[in-house]
Amino acid sequence: MGGEDWRPLLEQTRSAARRLTSQGRAVISQGGRVVDPSTAKGPIRIGLL
């Protein structure tokens, strides 16, 4: 995907990451620190456990 084609998928991706986090299967981090997925704003990293 190039250009802006990925933007419509962003909220779906963040929602999936929140589900994985609530299931204990992933962590969401920003700036190297694990953050609460419900309050994370801006770029996030998703780490699978």
PDB file of N, CA and C in Angstrom:
ATOM      1  N   MET A   1       0.842  -1.175   0.000  1.00  0.00           N
ATOM      2  CA  MET A   1       0.000   0.000   0.000  1.00  0.00           C
ATOM      3  C   MET A   1       0.888   1.238   0.000  1.00  0.00           C
ATOM      4  N   GLY A   2       0.520   2.160  -0.812  1.00  0.00           N
ATOM      5  CA  GLY A   2       1.270   3.393  -0.844  1.00  0.00           C
ATOM      6  C   GLY A   2       0.353   4.567  -0.608  1.00  0.00           C
ATOM      7  N   GLY A   3       0.939   5.724  -0.544  1.00  0.00           N
ATOM      8  CA  GLY A   3       0.146   6.934  -0.359  1.00  0.00           C
ATOM      9  C   GLY A   3      -0.664   6.908   0.925  1.00  0.00           C
ATOM     10  N   GLU A   4      -1.923   7.232   0.817  1.00  0.00           N
ATOM     11  CA  GLU A   4      -2.808   7.322   1.982  1.00  0.00           C
ATOM     12  C   GLU A   4      -3.760   6.129   2.094  1.00  0.00           C
ATOM     13  N   ASP A   5      -3.553   5.093   1.303  1.00  0.00           N
ATOM     14  CA  ASP A   5      -4.469   3.953   1.276  1.00  0.00           C
ATOM     15  C   ASP A   5      -4.586   3.230   2.618  1.00  0.00           C
ATOM     16  N   TRP A   6      -3.602   3.370   3.482  1.00  0.00           N
ATOM     17  CA  TRP A   6      -3.603   2.667   4.762  1.00  0.00           C
ATOM     18  C   TRP A   6      -4.442   3.376   5.822  1.00  0.00           C
ATOM     19  N   ARG A   7      -4.671   4.652   5.689  1.00  0.00           N
ATOM     20  CA  ARG A   7      -5.363   5.417   6.734  1.00  0.00           C
ATOM     21  C   ARG A   7      -6.745   4.878   7.108  1.00  0.00           C
ATOM     22  N   PRO A   8      -7.575   4.442   6.154  1.00  0.00           N
ATOM     23  CA  PRO A   8      -8.890   3.915   6.538  1.00  0.00           C
ATOM     24  C   PRO A   8      -8.810   2.655   7.414  1.00  0.00           C
ATOM     25  N   LEU A   9      -7.670   1.975   7.395  1.00  0.00           N
ATOM     26  CA  LEU A   9      -7.511   0.744   8.173  1.00  0.00           C
ATOM     27  C   LEU A   9      -6.979   0.994   9.576  1.00  0.00           C
ATOM     28  N   LEU A  10      -6.599   2.221   9.864  1.00  0.00           N
ATOM     29  CA  LEU A  10      -5.940   2.528  11.127  1.00  0.00           C
ATOM     30  C   LEU A  10      -6.801   2.206  12.341  1.00  0.00           C
ATOM     31  N   GLU A  11      -8.048   2.624  12.371  1.00  0.00           N
ATOM     32  CA  GLU A  11      -8.885   2.372  13.545  1.00  0.00           C
ATOM     33  C   GLU A  11      -9.173   0.885  13.709  1.00  0.00           C
ATOM     34  N   GLN A  12      -9.344   0.161  12.615  1.00  0.00           N
ATOM     35  CA  GLN A  12      -9.538  -1.288  12.710  1.00  0.00           C
ATOM     36  C   GLN A  12      -8.310  -1.959  13.317  1.00  0.00           C
ATOM     37  N   THR A  13      -7.137  -1.494  12.931  1.00  0.00           N
ATOM     38  CA  THR A  13      -5.892  -2.044  13.459  1.00  0.00           C
ATOM     39  C   THR A  13      -5.762  -1.759  14.945  1.00  0.00           C
ATOM     40  N   ARG A  14      -6.061  -0.529  15.352  1.00  0.00           N
ATOM     41  CA  ARG A  14      -5.977  -0.169  16.772  1.00  0.00           C
ATOM     42  C   ARG A  14      -7.004  -0.954  17.588  1.00  0.00           C
ATOM     43  N   SER A  15      -8.182  -1.170  17.034  1.00  0.00           N
ATOM     44  CA  SER A  15      -9.217  -1.945  17.711  1.00  0.00           C
ATOM     45  C   SER A  15      -8.762  -3.393  17.910  1.00  0.00           C
ATOM     46  N   ALA A  16      -8.172  -3.974  16.886  1.00  0.00           N
ATOM     47  CA  ALA A  16      -7.655  -5.343  16.995  1.00  0.00           C
ATOM     48  C   ALA A  16      -6.551  -5.412  18.046  1.00  0.00           C
ATOM     49  N   ALA A  17      -5.698  -4.397  18.088  1.00  0.00           N
ATOM     50  CA  ALA A  17      -4.627  -4.360  19.087  1.00  0.00           C
ATOM     51  C   ALA A  17      -5.204  -4.269  20.498  1.00  0.00           C
ATOM     52  N   ARG A  18      -6.262  -3.485  20.678  1.00  0.00           N
ATOM     53  CA  ARG A  18      -6.907  -3.393  21.997  1.00  0.00           C
ATOM     54  C   ARG A  18      -7.497  -4.736  22.405  1.00  0.00           C
ATOM     55  N   ARG A  19      -8.116  -5.442  21.464  1.00  0.00           N
ATOM     56  CA  ARG A  19      -8.672  -6.773  21.767  1.00  0.00           C
ATOM     57  C   ARG A  19      -7.567  -7.735  22.188  1.00  0.00           C
ATOM     58  N   LEU A  20      -6.470  -7.753  21.445  1.00  0.00           N
ATOM     59  CA  LEU A  20      -5.357  -8.634  21.791  1.00  0.00           C
ATOM     60  C   LEU A  20      -4.792  -8.297  23.165  1.00  0.00           C
ATOM     61  N   THR A  21      -4.732  -7.008  23.483  1.00  0.00           N
ATOM     62  CA  THR A  21      -4.240  -6.582  24.790  1.00  0.00           C
ATOM     63  C   THR A  21      -5.174  -7.054  25.893  1.00  0.00           C
ATOM     64  N   SER A  22      -6.475  -6.915  25.692  1.00  0.00           N
ATOM     65  CA  SER A  22      -7.437  -7.330  26.718  1.00  0.00           C
ATOM     66  C   SER A  22      -7.422  -8.845  26.919  1.00  0.00           C
ATOM     67  N   GLN A  23      -6.993  -9.592  25.902  1.00  0.00           N
ATOM     68  CA  GLN A  23      -6.888 -11.045  25.993  1.00  0.00           C
ATOM     69  C   GLN A  23      -5.532 -11.486  26.545  1.00  0.00           C
ATOM     70  N   GLY A  24      -4.661 -10.520  26.839  1.00  0.00           N
ATOM     71  CA  GLY A  24      -3.334 -10.847  27.350  1.00  0.00           C
ATOM     72  C   GLY A  24      -2.393 -11.391  26.285  1.00  0.00           C
ATOM     73  N   ARG A  25      -2.687 -11.111  25.032  1.00  0.00           N
ATOM     74  CA  ARG A  25      -1.879 -11.635  23.933  1.00  0.00           C
ATOM     75  C   ARG A  25      -0.955 -10.598  23.316  1.00  0.00           C
ATOM     76  N   ALA A  26      -1.044  -9.338  23.776  1.00  0.00           N
ATOM     77  CA  ALA A  26      -0.214  -8.272  23.214  1.00  0.00           C
ATOM     78  C   ALA A  26      -0.077  -7.147  24.230  1.00  0.00           C
ATOM     79  N   VAL A  27       0.898  -6.290  24.000  1.00  0.00           N
ATOM     80  CA  VAL A  27       1.048  -5.049  24.761  1.00  0.00           C
ATOM     81  C   VAL A  27       1.145  -3.909  23.759  1.00  0.00           C
ATOM     82  N   ILE A  28       0.697  -2.750  24.175  1.00  0.00           N
ATOM     83  CA  ILE A  28       0.796  -1.550  23.353  1.00  0.00           C
ATOM     84  C   ILE A  28       1.762  -0.609  24.054  1.00  0.00           C
ATOM     85  N   SER A  29       2.720  -0.094  23.294  1.00  0.00           N
ATOM     86  CA  SER A  29       3.713   0.793  23.898  1.00  0.00           C
ATOM     87  C   SER A  29       3.904   2.044  23.056  1.00  0.00           C
ATOM     88  N   GLN A  30       4.404   3.066  23.752  1.00  0.00           N
ATOM     89  CA  GLN A  30       4.783   4.333  23.126  1.00  0.00           C
ATOM     90  C   GLN A  30       6.054   4.794  23.814  1.00  0.00           C
ATOM     91  N   GLY A  31       7.023   5.164  23.038  1.00  0.00           N
ATOM     92  CA  GLY A  31       8.273   5.645  23.610  1.00  0.00           C
ATOM     93  C   GLY A  31       8.955   4.623  24.499  1.00  0.00           C
ATOM     94  N   GLY A  32       8.772   3.340  24.198  1.00  0.00           N
ATOM     95  CA  GLY A  32       9.411   2.286  24.976  1.00  0.00           C
ATOM     96  C   GLY A  32       8.698   1.930  26.261  1.00  0.00           C
ATOM     97  N   ARG A  33       7.550   2.547  26.524  1.00  0.00           N
ATOM     98  CA  ARG A  33       6.793   2.272  27.749  1.00  0.00           C
ATOM     99  C   ARG A  33       5.441   1.682  27.400  1.00  0.00           C
ATOM    100  N   VAL A  34       5.031   0.668  28.156  1.00  0.00           N
ATOM    101  CA  VAL A  34       3.708   0.084  27.955  1.00  0.00           C
ATOM    102  C   VAL A  34       2.670   1.115  28.381  1.00  0.00           C
ATOM    103  N   VAL A  35       1.648   1.304  27.558  1.00  0.00           N
ATOM    104  CA  VAL A  35       0.611   2.301  27.827  1.00  0.00           C
ATOM    105  C   VAL A  35      -0.763   1.648  27.829  1.00  0.00           C
ATOM    106  N   ASP A  36      -1.713   2.339  28.420  1.00  0.00           N
ATOM    107  CA  ASP A  36      -3.107   1.908  28.429  1.00  0.00           C
ATOM    108  C   ASP A  36      -3.664   2.098  27.023  1.00  0.00           C
ATOM    109  N   PRO A  37      -4.141   1.033  26.396  1.00  0.00           N
ATOM    110  CA  PRO A  37      -4.620   1.162  25.020  1.00  0.00           C
ATOM    111  C   PRO A  37      -5.809   2.102  24.859  1.00  0.00           C
ATOM    112  N   SER A  38      -6.580   2.293  25.903  1.00  0.00           N
ATOM    113  CA  SER A  38      -7.757   3.165  25.782  1.00  0.00           C
ATOM    114  C   SER A  38      -7.385   4.644  25.798  1.00  0.00           C
ATOM    115  N   THR A  39      -6.186   4.975  26.253  1.00  0.00           N
ATOM    116  CA  THR A  39      -5.784   6.378  26.319  1.00  0.00           C
ATOM    117  C   THR A  39      -4.631   6.719  25.375  1.00  0.00           C
ATOM    118  N   ALA A  40      -4.095   5.725  24.680  1.00  0.00           N
ATOM    119  CA  ALA A  40      -2.957   5.957  23.782  1.00  0.00           C
ATOM    120  C   ALA A  40      -3.373   6.845  22.615  1.00  0.00           C
ATOM    121  N   LYS A  41      -2.595   7.873  22.377  1.00  0.00           N
ATOM    122  CA  LYS A  41      -2.833   8.784  21.260  1.00  0.00           C
ATOM    123  C   LYS A  41      -1.556   8.829  20.425  1.00  0.00           C
ATOM    124  N   GLY A  42      -1.716   8.928  19.136  1.00  0.00           N
ATOM    125  CA  GLY A  42      -0.553   8.993  18.263  1.00  0.00           C
ATOM    126  C   GLY A  42      -0.021   7.616  17.923  1.00  0.00           C
ATOM    127  N   PRO A  43       1.223   7.564  17.428  1.00  0.00           N
ATOM    128  CA  PRO A  43       1.812   6.299  16.998  1.00  0.00           C
ATOM    129  C   PRO A  43       1.964   5.322  18.161  1.00  0.00           C
ATOM    130  N   ILE A  44       1.645   4.065  17.904  1.00  0.00           N
ATOM    131  CA  ILE A  44       1.803   3.016  18.917  1.00  0.00           C
ATOM    132  C   ILE A  44       2.597   1.868  18.323  1.00  0.00           C
ATOM    133  N   ARG A  45       3.176   1.082  19.208  1.00  0.00           N
ATOM    134  CA  ARG A  45       3.818  -0.167  18.805  1.00  0.00           C
ATOM    135  C   ARG A  45       3.037  -1.294  19.445  1.00  0.00           C
ATOM    136  N   ILE A  46       2.821  -2.343  18.690  1.00  0.00           N
ATOM    137  CA  ILE A  46       2.077  -3.496  19.168  1.00  0.00           C
ATOM    138  C   ILE A  46       3.063  -4.647  19.304  1.00  0.00           C
ATOM    139  N   GLY A  47       3.186  -5.150  20.523  1.00  0.00           N
ATOM    140  CA  GLY A  47       4.079  -6.277  20.770  1.00  0.00           C
ATOM    141  C   GLY A  47       3.278  -7.512  21.124  1.00  0.00           C
ATOM    142  N   LEU A  48       3.447  -8.571  20.334  1.00  0.00           N
ATOM    143  CA  LEU A  48       2.745  -9.815  20.623  1.00  0.00           C
ATOM    144  C   LEU A  48       3.468 -10.560  21.734  1.00  0.00           C
ATOM    145  N   LEU A  49       2.701 -11.182  22.601  1.00  0.00           N
ATOM    146  CA  LEU A  49       3.278 -11.949  23.708  1.00  0.00           C
ATOM    147  C   LEU A  49       3.281 -13.426  23.387  1.00  0.00           C
TER     148      LEU A  49
END
